[in-house]
Amino acid sequence: MKTYETHDEMKRTHVIEQLEKFGSYNNDHYTYQELKIKLAAARAMDIDITHDDNKFF
């Protein structure tokens, strides 16, 4: 296994761990790009729009 393969797997594992904090499981069949998109969507859905700091617009 080459160093870059290990690094890519570490990045993918980190994103999967972050998704699991949001309750998203069974992410093994997604690519790294798809996982990043899912994580971005989960983080966006987690924003509390009723909080004063988030009423910018």
Protein backbone atom coordinates (compact mmCIF):
# COMPACT_ATOMS: atom_id res chain seq x y z
CA MET A 1 0.00 0.00 0.00
CA LYS A 2 1.38 3.37 -1.00
CA THR A 3 1.45 6.39 1.28
CA TYR A 4 -1.12 8.32 -0.74
CA GLU A 5 -3.54 5.37 -0.56
CA THR A 6 -3.23 5.37 3.23
CA HIS A 7 -3.79 9.12 3.37
CA ASP A 8 -6.86 8.89 1.13
CA GLU A 9 -8.28 6.11 3.29
CA MET A 10 -7.68 8.19 6.42
CA LYS A 11 -9.57 11.14 4.90
CA ARG A 12 -12.45 8.88 3.89
CA THR A 13 -12.60 7.30 7.35
CA HIS A 14 -12.66 10.73 9.00
CA VAL A 15 -15.60 11.86 6.86
CA ILE A 16 -17.48 8.63 7.65
CA GLU A 17 -16.91 9.21 11.38
CA GLN A 18 -18.26 12.75 11.05
CA LEU A 19 -21.34 11.46 9.21
CA GLU A 20 -21.97 8.90 11.94
CA LYS A 21 -22.18 11.76 14.46
CA PHE A 22 -25.12 13.03 12.42
CA GLY A 23 -26.74 9.58 12.44
CA SER A 24 -25.78 8.55 8.91
CA TYR A 25 -24.62 4.94 8.74
CA ASN A 26 -23.93 2.42 5.93
CA ASN A 27 -21.66 4.82 4.06
CA ASP A 28 -19.17 2.22 2.86
CA HIS A 29 -20.36 2.12 -0.75
CA TYR A 30 -19.99 5.88 -1.39
CA THR A 31 -16.97 7.56 -2.94
CA TYR A 32 -15.01 10.18 -1.03
CA GLN A 33 -16.60 12.97 -3.10
CA GLU A 34 -20.11 11.69 -2.39
CA LEU A 35 -19.31 11.42 1.31
CA LYS A 36 -18.10 15.02 1.40
CA ILE A 37 -21.34 16.17 -0.22
CA LYS A 38 -23.40 14.18 2.29
CA LEU A 39 -21.40 15.70 5.16
CA ALA A 40 -21.86 19.23 3.83
CA ALA A 41 -25.61 18.67 3.55
CA ALA A 42 -25.79 17.22 7.07
CA ARG A 43 -23.89 20.19 8.49
CA ALA A 44 -26.16 22.63 6.63
CA MET A 45 -29.26 20.90 7.99
CA ASP A 46 -27.85 21.18 11.51
CA ILE A 47 -27.83 25.01 11.52
CA ASP A 48 -30.34 26.54 13.94
CA ILE A 49 -31.97 29.30 11.89
CA THR A 50 -33.88 30.66 14.88
CA HIS A 51 -30.66 31.60 16.68
CA ASP A 52 -29.81 35.31 16.48
CA ASP A 53 -26.29 34.66 15.15
CA ASN A 54 -27.75 32.82 12.15
CA LYS A 55 -30.26 35.51 11.09
CA PHE A 56 -27.81 37.32 8.83
CA PHE A 57 -30.01 37.30 5.73
